Amino acid sequence: MKVLYYVLAILLVLFIFVPFFWMFSTSVKPLGEVYSIPPTIVPDDFSPENFPIAFERAQALRAFFVTAVYALGCVVLYLVVAAFAGYAFARYRFYGKNILFLMVLATLMIPIEVNLLPLYRLLKTLGWLNSFQGLILPRVVEPFGIFLFRQHFQTIPDEYVDSARIDGCREATIFRRIMLPMSIPPVVVVCLFMFLWRWNELLYPLVISTSNQMRTLQVVISLFVRERYVEWNYQMALCVAAVMPILILFIAIQKYFVQGVVLSGMKG
């Protein structure tokens, strides 16, 4: 039985690893070698110059900046909204709390495509198209983070909060000095998922940002395919550049990521 588990694990690793390896291998091949038959697994002619060429043709440096501002802005604001909302649902009693929380969770079933047209009309009315506020502000409320923080705050014993209130601490002080320092794993999970979602998002930035100066990296990659015949070496170079920040971020904080997933589902 253990042999079967090992075989399945190896197959799973190969299933995940092989596409990444092929993407990187293609990104450093000359165009002629990309279409060679039989295909070469390791490039015969290593061509790292594909990266600066692809960046220059796609104007990807500006797209990197826009994507970074978009993703980081959403992470910061989303963390504030999700933490406060999750704390309120976990620690306060008010009329209709459970119904309101179910309504928040119900929005998980509403795809972005349903809200895209009314959201576009609203942003056009406000004059927020092709702007950072138009990109960031509508995307900072997601039920996932609210649910995760609620589940985590419910695992913290009431004695911590009661003792702080007896000592005269205000609610804001309790939240800042007691609850948040004990919530590092869910904070990391929420930040990682939000950064991942916004860094890789295509449809919303494609619709909201129509000028070259406000296009995100994923939009630039998609338009790079349509504007020219497919030069897979340059295309894969852009894809490698887009994937690397996510991989580095996940490797750096994977310990907290696992802790957050485990701890946030212990109660409730």
C-alpha atoms as a PDB file:
ATOM      1  CA  MET A   1       0.000   0.000   0.000  1.00  0.00           C
ATOM      2  CA  LYS A   2       2.862   2.394   0.795  1.00  0.00           C
ATOM      3  CA  VAL A   3       4.343   1.712  -2.635  1.00  0.00           C
ATOM      4  CA  LEU A   4       1.053   2.763  -4.218  1.00  0.00           C
ATOM      5  CA  TYR A   5       1.045   5.994  -2.196  1.00  0.00           C
ATOM      6  CA  TYR A   6       4.610   6.752  -3.290  1.00  0.00           C
ATOM      7  CA  VAL A   7       3.758   6.083  -6.927  1.00  0.00           C
ATOM      8  CA  LEU A   8       0.696   8.349  -6.753  1.00  0.00           C
ATOM      9  CA  ALA A   9       2.731  11.060  -5.035  1.00  0.00           C
ATOM     10  CA  ILE A  10       5.431  10.879  -7.709  1.00  0.00           C
ATOM     11  CA  LEU A  11       2.842  11.024 -10.489  1.00  0.00           C
ATOM     12  CA  LEU A  12       1.214  14.037  -8.843  1.00  0.00           C
ATOM     13  CA  VAL A  13       4.556  15.821  -8.539  1.00  0.00           C
ATOM     14  CA  LEU A  14       5.335  15.130 -12.199  1.00  0.00           C
ATOM     15  CA  PHE A  15       1.873  16.288 -13.231  1.00  0.00           C
ATOM     16  CA  ILE A  16       2.504  19.616 -11.496  1.00  0.00           C
ATOM     17  CA  PHE A  17       6.222  20.000 -12.242  1.00  0.00           C
ATOM     18  CA  VAL A  18       6.396  19.041 -15.933  1.00  0.00           C
ATOM     19  CA  PRO A  19       4.311  22.000 -17.260  1.00  0.00           C
ATOM     20  CA  PHE A  20       6.468  24.452 -15.278  1.00  0.00           C
ATOM     21  CA  PHE A  21       9.658  22.840 -16.549  1.00  0.00           C
ATOM     22  CA  TRP A  22       8.397  22.892 -20.144  1.00  0.00           C
ATOM     23  CA  MET A  23       7.404  26.544 -19.796  1.00  0.00           C
ATOM     24  CA  PHE A  24      10.856  27.503 -18.531  1.00  0.00           C
ATOM     25  CA  SER A  25      12.595  25.359 -21.143  1.00  0.00           C
ATOM     26  CA  THR A  26      10.603  26.979 -23.954  1.00  0.00           C
ATOM     27  CA  SER A  27      11.317  30.455 -22.604  1.00  0.00           C
ATOM     28  CA  VAL A  28      15.064  30.042 -23.205  1.00  0.00           C
ATOM     29  CA  LYS A  29      14.873  28.425 -26.653  1.00  0.00           C
ATOM     30  CA  PRO A  30      15.322  30.192 -29.996  1.00  0.00           C
ATOM     31  CA  LEU A  31      12.132  30.274 -32.036  1.00  0.00           C
ATOM     32  CA  GLY A  32      13.346  27.677 -34.521  1.00  0.00           C
ATOM     33  CA  GLU A  33      14.037  25.169 -31.779  1.00  0.00           C
ATOM     34  CA  VAL A  34      10.563  25.685 -30.310  1.00  0.00           C
ATOM     35  CA  TYR A  35       9.006  24.149 -33.425  1.00  0.00           C
ATOM     36  CA  SER A  36      11.637  21.459 -33.943  1.00  0.00           C
ATOM     37  CA  ILE A  37      10.537  17.833 -34.341  1.00  0.00           C
ATOM     38  CA  PRO A  38      11.216  15.869 -32.253  1.00  0.00           C
ATOM     39  CA  PRO A  39      10.995  18.530 -29.547  1.00  0.00           C
ATOM     40  CA  THR A  40      14.004  19.169 -27.338  1.00  0.00           C
ATOM     41  CA  ILE A  41      13.486  18.917 -23.600  1.00  0.00           C
ATOM     42  CA  VAL A  42      16.650  20.839 -22.722  1.00  0.00           C
ATOM     43  CA  PRO A  43      17.448  23.626 -25.209  1.00  0.00           C
ATOM     44  CA  ASP A  44      20.480  23.066 -27.407  1.00  0.00           C
ATOM     45  CA  ASP A  45      20.949  26.820 -27.880  1.00  0.00           C
ATOM     46  CA  PHE A  46      20.341  28.574 -24.551  1.00  0.00           C
ATOM     47  CA  SER A  47      18.779  31.983 -25.274  1.00  0.00           C
ATOM     48  CA  PRO A  48      18.248  34.104 -22.125  1.00  0.00           C
ATOM     49  CA  GLU A  49      17.903  37.172 -24.329  1.00  0.00           C
ATOM     50  CA  ASN A  50      14.297  36.085 -24.913  1.00  0.00           C
ATOM     51  CA  PHE A  51      13.341  37.778 -21.635  1.00  0.00           C
ATOM     52  CA  PRO A  52      14.455  41.347 -22.413  1.00  0.00           C
ATOM     53  CA  ILE A  53      13.139  41.028 -25.972  1.00  0.00           C
ATOM     54  CA  ALA A  54       9.728  39.865 -24.736  1.00  0.00           C
ATOM     55  CA  PHE A  55       9.609  42.613 -22.113  1.00  0.00           C
ATOM     56  CA  GLU A  56      10.442  45.281 -24.681  1.00  0.00           C
ATOM     57  CA  ARG A  57       7.910  44.075 -27.235  1.00  0.00           C
ATOM     58  CA  ALA A  58       5.078  43.688 -24.709  1.00  0.00           C
ATOM     59  CA  GLN A  59       5.975  46.794 -22.653  1.00  0.00           C
ATOM     60  CA  ALA A  60       5.848  44.493 -19.651  1.00  0.00           C
ATOM     61  CA  LEU A  61       7.774  46.678 -17.176  1.00  0.00           C
ATOM     62  CA  ARG A  62       4.890  49.128 -16.919  1.00  0.00           C
ATOM     63  CA  ALA A  63       2.491  46.193 -16.659  1.00  0.00           C
ATOM     64  CA  PHE A  64       4.569  44.764 -13.792  1.00  0.00           C
ATOM     65  CA  PHE A  65       4.287  48.056 -11.938  1.00  0.00           C
ATOM     66  CA  VAL A  66       0.521  48.321 -12.481  1.00  0.00           C
ATOM     67  CA  THR A  67       0.001  44.702 -11.434  1.00  0.00           C
ATOM     68  CA  ALA A  68       2.104  45.138  -8.305  1.00  0.00           C
ATOM     69  CA  VAL A  69       0.203  48.260  -7.240  1.00  0.00           C
ATOM     70  CA  TYR A  70      -3.116  46.550  -8.007  1.00  0.00           C
ATOM     71  CA  ALA A  71      -2.271  43.369  -6.101  1.00  0.00           C
ATOM     72  CA  LEU A  72      -0.624  45.025  -3.094  1.00  0.00           C
ATOM     73  CA  GLY A  73      -3.328  47.690  -2.810  1.00  0.00           C
ATOM     74  CA  CYS A  74      -6.013  45.008  -2.796  1.00  0.00           C
ATOM     75  CA  VAL A  75      -4.079  42.977  -0.213  1.00  0.00           C
ATOM     76  CA  VAL A  76      -3.770  45.862   2.253  1.00  0.00           C
ATOM     77  CA  LEU A  77      -7.361  47.068   1.991  1.00  0.00           C
ATOM     78  CA  TYR A  78      -8.761  43.549   1.854  1.00  0.00           C
ATOM     79  CA  LEU A  79      -6.881  42.605   5.019  1.00  0.00           C
ATOM     80  CA  VAL A  80      -8.373  45.563   6.894  1.00  0.00           C
ATOM     81  CA  VAL A  81     -11.934  44.878   5.733  1.00  0.00           C
ATOM     82  CA  ALA A  82     -11.783  41.107   6.255  1.00  0.00           C
ATOM     83  CA  ALA A  83     -10.154  41.324   9.706  1.00  0.00           C
ATOM     84  CA  PHE A  84     -12.635  43.855  11.073  1.00  0.00           C
ATOM     85  CA  ALA A  85     -15.650  42.078   9.578  1.00  0.00           C
ATOM     86  CA  GLY A  86     -14.463  38.661  10.771  1.00  0.00           C
ATOM     87  CA  TYR A  87     -13.872  40.027  14.270  1.00  0.00           C
ATOM     88  CA  ALA A  88     -17.355  41.515  14.387  1.00  0.00           C
ATOM     89  CA  PHE A  89     -19.001  38.272  13.265  1.00  0.00           C
ATOM     90  CA  ALA A  90     -16.958  36.235  15.751  1.00  0.00           C
ATOM     91  CA  ARG A  91     -17.095  38.420  18.879  1.00  0.00           C
ATOM     92  CA  TYR A  92     -20.153  40.653  18.784  1.00  0.00           C
ATOM     93  CA  ARG A  93     -23.805  39.813  19.209  1.00  0.00           C
ATOM     94  CA  PHE A  94     -26.247  41.807  17.134  1.00  0.00           C
ATOM     95  CA  TYR A  95     -29.613  41.239  15.544  1.00  0.00           C
ATOM     96  CA  GLY A  96     -29.516  39.237  12.324  1.00  0.00           C
ATOM     97  CA  LYS A  97     -25.814  38.339  12.621  1.00  0.00           C
ATOM     98  CA  ASN A  98     -26.181  34.765  11.375  1.00  0.00           C
ATOM     99  CA  ILE A  99     -28.451  35.769   8.506  1.00  0.00           C
ATOM    100  CA  LEU A 100     -26.068  38.533   7.483  1.00  0.00           C
ATOM    101  CA  PHE A 101     -23.129  36.135   7.619  1.00  0.00           C
ATOM    102  CA  LEU A 102     -24.982  33.637   5.425  1.00  0.00           C
ATOM    103  CA  MET A 103     -25.681  36.442   2.950  1.00  0.00           C
ATOM    104  CA  VAL A 104     -21.964  37.228   2.861  1.00  0.00           C
ATOM    105  CA  LEU A 105     -21.130  33.579   2.181  1.00  0.00           C
ATOM    106  CA  ALA A 106     -23.861  33.411  -0.470  1.00  0.00           C
ATOM    107  CA  THR A 107     -21.947  35.946  -2.562  1.00  0.00           C
ATOM    108  CA  LEU A 108     -19.392  33.181  -3.192  1.00  0.00           C
ATOM    109  CA  MET A 109     -21.875  31.743  -5.673  1.00  0.00           C
ATOM    110  CA  ILE A 110     -22.099  34.974  -7.698  1.00  0.00           C
ATOM    111  CA  PRO A 111     -19.442  35.016 -10.458  1.00  0.00           C
ATOM    112  CA  ILE A 112     -17.681  38.236 -11.408  1.00  0.00           C
ATOM    113  CA  GLU A 113     -19.253  38.039 -14.879  1.00  0.00           C
ATOM    114  CA  VAL A 114     -22.676  38.779 -13.360  1.00  0.00           C
ATOM    115  CA  ASN A 115     -21.482  41.975 -11.667  1.00  0.00           C
ATOM    116  CA  LEU A 116     -19.160  43.147 -14.405  1.00  0.00           C
ATOM    117  CA  LEU A 117     -21.622  45.204 -16.472  1.00  0.00           C
ATOM    118  CA  PRO A 118     -23.244  47.149 -13.589  1.00  0.00           C
ATOM    119  CA  LEU A 119     -19.803  47.630 -12.034  1.00  0.00           C
ATOM    120  CA  TYR A 120     -18.458  48.963 -15.322  1.00  0.00           C
ATOM    121  CA  ARG A 121     -21.357  51.436 -15.605  1.00  0.00           C
ATOM    122  CA  LEU A 122     -20.817  52.576 -12.013  1.00  0.00           C
ATOM    123  CA  LEU A 123     -17.095  53.136 -12.508  1.00  0.00           C
ATOM    124  CA  LYS A 124     -17.750  54.977 -15.765  1.00  0.00           C
ATOM    125  CA  THR A 125     -20.196  57.266 -13.985  1.00  0.00           C
ATOM    126  CA  LEU A 126     -17.638  57.965 -11.255  1.00  0.00           C
ATOM    127  CA  GLY A 127     -14.903  58.555 -13.830  1.00  0.00           C
ATOM    128  CA  TRP A 128     -12.789  55.720 -12.384  1.00  0.00           C
ATOM    129  CA  LEU A 129     -12.092  53.768 -15.552  1.00  0.00           C
ATOM    130  CA  ASN A 130      -8.370  53.411 -16.318  1.00  0.00           C
ATOM    131  CA  SER A 131      -7.440  54.342 -12.754  1.00  0.00           C
ATOM    132  CA  PHE A 132      -5.995  52.596  -9.737  1.00  0.00           C
ATOM    133  CA  GLN A 133      -9.019  53.379  -7.597  1.00  0.00           C
ATOM    134  CA  GLY A 134     -11.242  51.787 -10.224  1.00  0.00           C
ATOM    135  CA  LEU A 135      -9.056  48.697 -10.233  1.00  0.00           C
ATOM    136  CA  ILE A 136      -8.558  48.337  -6.497  1.00  0.00           C
ATOM    137  CA  LEU A 137     -11.593  49.536  -4.548  1.00  0.00           C
ATOM    138  CA  PRO A 138     -14.273  47.241  -6.061  1.00  0.00           C
ATOM    139  CA  ARG A 139     -12.069  44.183  -5.428  1.00  0.00           C
ATOM    140  CA  VAL A 140     -11.267  44.583  -1.715  1.00  0.00           C
ATOM    141  CA  VAL A 141     -14.340  42.782  -0.331  1.00  0.00           C
ATOM    142  CA  GLU A 142     -14.319  38.997  -0.638  1.00  0.00           C
ATOM    143  CA  PRO A 143     -16.255  36.559   1.611  1.00  0.00           C
ATOM    144  CA  PHE A 144     -13.325  34.150   1.828  1.00  0.00           C
ATOM    145  CA  GLY A 145     -11.239  36.382   4.092  1.00  0.00           C
ATOM    146  CA  ILE A 146     -14.203  37.296   6.289  1.00  0.00           C
ATOM    147  CA  PHE A 147     -14.998  33.617   6.787  1.00  0.00           C
ATOM    148  CA  LEU A 148     -11.375  32.730   7.525  1.00  0.00           C
ATOM    149  CA  PHE A 149     -10.936  35.458  10.138  1.00  0.00           C
ATOM    150  CA  ARG A 150     -14.274  34.624  11.764  1.00  0.00           C
ATOM    151  CA  GLN A 151     -13.278  30.991  12.106  1.00  0.00           C
ATOM    152  CA  HIS A 152      -9.919  31.916  13.587  1.00  0.00           C
ATOM    153  CA  PHE A 153     -11.201  34.529  16.040  1.00  0.00           C
ATOM    154  CA  GLN A 154     -13.684  31.983  17.366  1.00  0.00           C
ATOM    155  CA  THR A 155     -10.771  29.719  18.370  1.00  0.00           C
ATOM    156  CA  ILE A 156      -9.262  32.405  20.648  1.00  0.00           C
ATOM    157  CA  PRO A 157     -10.474  31.939  24.262  1.00  0.00           C
ATOM    158  CA  ASP A 158     -12.860  34.572  25.577  1.00  0.00           C
ATOM    159  CA  GLU A 159     -10.680  35.043  28.656  1.00  0.00           C
ATOM    160  CA  TYR A 160      -8.164  37.106  26.689  1.00  0.00           C
ATOM    161  CA  VAL A 161     -10.780  39.615  25.622  1.00  0.00           C
ATOM    162  CA  ASP A 162     -12.579  39.667  28.979  1.00  0.00           C
ATOM    163  CA  SER A 163      -9.332  40.309  30.876  1.00  0.00           C
ATOM    164  CA  ALA A 164      -8.444  43.164  28.566  1.00  0.00           C
ATOM    165  CA  ARG A 165     -11.872  44.746  28.993  1.00  0.00           C
ATOM    166  CA  ILE A 166     -11.581  44.483  32.769  1.00  0.00           C
ATOM    167  CA  ASP A 167      -8.227  46.286  32.554  1.00  0.00           C
ATOM    168  CA  GLY A 168      -9.974  49.099  30.695  1.00  0.00           C
ATOM    169  CA  CYS A 169      -8.746  48.437  27.160  1.00  0.00           C
ATOM    170  CA  ARG A 170     -10.803  49.840  24.339  1.00  0.00           C
ATOM    171  CA  GLU A 171     -12.092  47.591  21.569  1.00  0.00           C
ATOM    172  CA  ALA A 172      -9.621  49.000  19.072  1.00  0.00           C
ATOM    173  CA  THR A 173      -6.745  48.299  21.479  1.00  0.00           C
ATOM    174  CA  ILE A 174      -7.962  44.750  22.087  1.00  0.00           C
ATOM    175  CA  PHE A 175      -8.151  44.133  18.376  1.00  0.00           C
ATOM    176  CA  ARG A 176      -4.747  45.659  17.613  1.00  0.00           C
ATOM    177  CA  ARG A 177      -2.678  44.354  20.545  1.00  0.00           C
ATOM    178  CA  ILE A 178      -4.326  41.026  21.362  1.00  0.00           C
ATOM    179  CA  MET A 179      -6.283  39.617  18.440  1.00  0.00           C
ATOM    180  CA  LEU A 180      -4.042  40.533  15.520  1.00  0.00           C
ATOM    181  CA  PRO A 181      -0.737  39.346  17.081  1.00  0.00           C
ATOM    182  CA  MET A 182      -2.422  35.970  17.656  1.00  0.00           C
ATOM    183  CA  SER A 183      -3.644  35.838  14.053  1.00  0.00           C
ATOM    184  CA  ILE A 184      -0.440  35.758  12.001  1.00  0.00           C
ATOM    185  CA  PRO A 185      -1.256  32.468  10.156  1.00  0.00           C
ATOM    186  CA  PRO A 186      -4.696  33.576   8.857  1.00  0.00           C
ATOM    187  CA  VAL A 187      -3.264  36.993   7.993  1.00  0.00           C
ATOM    188  CA  VAL A 188      -0.620  35.299   5.849  1.00  0.00           C
ATOM    189  CA  VAL A 189      -3.202  33.022   4.208  1.00  0.00           C
ATOM    190  CA  VAL A 190      -5.514  35.922   3.381  1.00  0.00           C
ATOM    191  CA  CYS A 191      -2.659  38.019   2.000  1.00  0.00           C
ATOM    192  CA  LEU A 192      -1.322  35.153  -0.084  1.00  0.00           C
ATOM    193  CA  PHE A 193      -4.673  34.252  -1.627  1.00  0.00           C
ATOM    194  CA  MET A 194      -5.616  37.849  -2.355  1.00  0.00           C
ATOM    195  CA  PHE A 195      -2.218  38.556  -3.907  1.00  0.00           C
ATOM    196  CA  LEU A 196      -2.489  35.390  -5.985  1.00  0.00           C
ATOM    197  CA  TRP A 197      -6.007  36.191  -7.179  1.00  0.00           C
ATOM    198  CA  ARG A 198      -5.266  39.772  -8.117  1.00  0.00           C
ATOM    199  CA  TRP A 199      -1.848  39.073  -9.644  1.00  0.00           C
ATOM    200  CA  ASN A 200      -3.356  36.433 -11.954  1.00  0.00           C
ATOM    201  CA  GLU A 201      -6.666  38.168 -12.665  1.00  0.00           C
ATOM    202  CA  LEU A 202      -7.487  38.797 -16.314  1.00  0.00           C
ATOM    203  CA  LEU A 203     -11.158  39.548 -16.986  1.00  0.00           C
ATOM    204  CA  TYR A 204     -11.750  42.458 -14.616  1.00  0.00           C
ATOM    205  CA  PRO A 205      -8.576  44.432 -15.487  1.00  0.00           C
ATOM    206  CA  LEU A 206      -9.178  43.708 -19.174  1.00  0.00           C
ATOM    207  CA  VAL A 207     -12.604  45.370 -19.025  1.00  0.00           C
ATOM    208  CA  ILE A 208     -11.830  48.224 -16.638  1.00  0.00           C
ATOM    209  CA  SER A 209      -8.400  49.230 -17.992  1.00  0.00           C
ATOM    210  CA  THR A 210      -8.521  49.954 -21.707  1.00  0.00           C
ATOM    211  CA  SER A 211      -5.379  52.109 -22.029  1.00  0.00           C
ATOM    212  CA  ASN A 212      -1.874  50.740 -22.414  1.00  0.00           C
ATOM    213  CA  GLN A 213      -0.692  52.598 -19.307  1.00  0.00           C
ATOM    214  CA  MET A 214      -3.136  50.779 -17.005  1.00  0.00           C
ATOM    215  CA  ARG A 215      -2.945  47.235 -18.363  1.00  0.00           C
ATOM    216  CA  THR A 216      -1.901  44.525 -15.948  1.00  0.00           C
ATOM    217  CA  LEU A 217       0.599  41.801 -16.709  1.00  0.00           C
ATOM    218  CA  GLN A 218      -1.994  39.140 -17.496  1.00  0.00           C
ATOM    219  CA  VAL A 219      -3.744  41.479 -19.923  1.00  0.00           C
ATOM    220  CA  VAL A 220      -0.445  42.262 -21.630  1.00  0.00           C
ATOM    221  CA  ILE A 221       0.327  38.554 -22.004  1.00  0.00           C
ATOM    222  CA  SER A 222      -3.093  37.826 -23.510  1.00  0.00           C
ATOM    223  CA  LEU A 223      -2.840  40.717 -25.974  1.00  0.00           C
ATOM    224  CA  PHE A 224       0.698  39.737 -26.897  1.00  0.00           C
ATOM    225  CA  VAL A 225      -0.728  36.513 -28.344  1.00  0.00           C
ATOM    226  CA  ARG A 226      -3.441  38.184 -30.362  1.00  0.00           C
ATOM    227  CA  GLU A 227      -1.350  40.988 -31.846  1.00  0.00           C
ATOM    228  CA  ARG A 228       1.252  38.673 -33.408  1.00  0.00           C
ATOM    229  CA  TYR A 229       1.592  35.096 -34.515  1.00  0.00           C
ATOM    230  CA  VAL A 230       2.480  32.956 -31.540  1.00  0.00           C
ATOM    231  CA  GLU A 231       6.164  33.263 -30.705  1.00  0.00           C
ATOM    232  CA  TRP A 232       6.105  30.710 -27.943  1.00  0.00           C
ATOM    233  CA  ASN A 233       9.587  31.430 -26.657  1.00  0.00           C
ATOM    234  CA  TYR A 234       8.718  35.085 -25.926  1.00  0.00           C
ATOM    235  CA  GLN A 235       5.267  34.114 -24.693  1.00  0.00           C
ATOM    236  CA  MET A 236       6.711  31.616 -22.231  1.00  0.00           C
ATOM    237  CA  ALA A 237       9.315  34.150 -21.112  1.00  0.00           C
ATOM    238  CA  LEU A 238       6.505  36.493 -20.076  1.00  0.00           C
ATOM    239  CA  CYS A 239       4.717  33.617 -18.347  1.00  0.00           C
ATOM    240  CA  VAL A 240       7.840  32.666 -16.394  1.00  0.00           C
ATOM    241  CA  ALA A 241       8.253  36.276 -15.280  1.00  0.00           C
ATOM    242  CA  ALA A 242       4.621  36.338 -14.155  1.00  0.00           C
ATOM    243  CA  VAL A 243       4.877  33.076 -12.209  1.00  0.00           C
ATOM    244  CA  MET A 244       8.150  33.708 -10.366  1.00  0.00           C
ATOM    245  CA  PRO A 245       6.847  36.276  -7.805  1.00  0.00           C
ATOM    246  CA  ILE A 246       4.064  33.882  -6.789  1.00  0.00           C
ATOM    247  CA  LEU A 247       6.442  30.945  -6.371  1.00  0.00           C
ATOM    248  CA  ILE A 248       8.936  32.977  -4.349  1.00  0.00           C
ATOM    249  CA  LEU A 249       6.186  34.360  -2.117  1.00  0.00           C
ATOM    250  CA  PHE A 250       4.681  30.934  -1.461  1.00  0.00           C
ATOM    251  CA  ILE A 251       8.046  29.329  -0.686  1.00  0.00           C
ATOM    252  CA  ALA A 252       8.857  32.135   1.748  1.00  0.00           C
ATOM    253  CA  ILE A 253       5.630  31.856   3.757  1.00  0.00           C
ATOM    254  CA  GLN A 254       4.478  28.272   3.242  1.00  0.00           C
ATOM    255  CA  LYS A 255       4.849  27.449   6.973  1.00  0.00           C
ATOM    256  CA  TYR A 256       2.372  30.159   7.948  1.00  0.00           C
ATOM    257  CA  PHE A 257       0.111  29.191   5.072  1.00  0.00           C
ATOM    258  CA  VAL A 258      -0.295  25.623   6.358  1.00  0.00           C
ATOM    259  CA  GLN A 259      -0.812  26.834   9.939  1.00  0.00           C
ATOM    260  CA  GLY A 260      -3.485  29.287   8.852  1.00  0.00           C
ATOM    261  CA  VAL A 261      -5.447  26.674   6.921  1.00  0.00           C
ATOM    262  CA  VAL A 262      -5.319  24.255   9.879  1.00  0.00           C
ATOM    263  CA  LEU A 263      -6.023  26.690  12.704  1.00  0.00           C
ATOM    264  CA  SER A 264      -8.804  28.583  10.962  1.00  0.00           C
ATOM    265  CA  GLY A 265     -10.991  25.476  10.652  1.00  0.00           C
ATOM    266  CA  MET A 266     -10.767  24.262  14.248  1.00  0.00           C
ATOM    267  CA  LYS A 267     -14.013  25.739  15.500  1.00  0.00           C
ATOM    268  CA  GLY A 268     -17.341  27.010  14.198  1.00  0.00           C
END
